[in-house]
């Protein structure tokens, strides 16, 4: 199972226009990034933590989570993490 993490790289002033197009962040993007802020997580954990962080106001289904993750990966904002030792 894949995990993702936030790629912390370029300062905002150096971001190309295609990344600036992500602003302002949608609630789905915001809570996915918040969920990943403390380390890699599986999609299901992202969904559960997002619901908890938003106090139940944001509930994302698998389609929204995984399609948004794919867009974030393609934009270079997050990267897929290597499995930790002992994980499948």
Foldseek 3Di string as FASTA:
>chain_A
DWWKAFDDDDDPVPDDPVVVVCPPPDLLLVQLNVQRVVHIDDLVSSQVSSCVVVVNPDGDDPVSSVVVVVVCVVSVGMHIDDDDPPDD
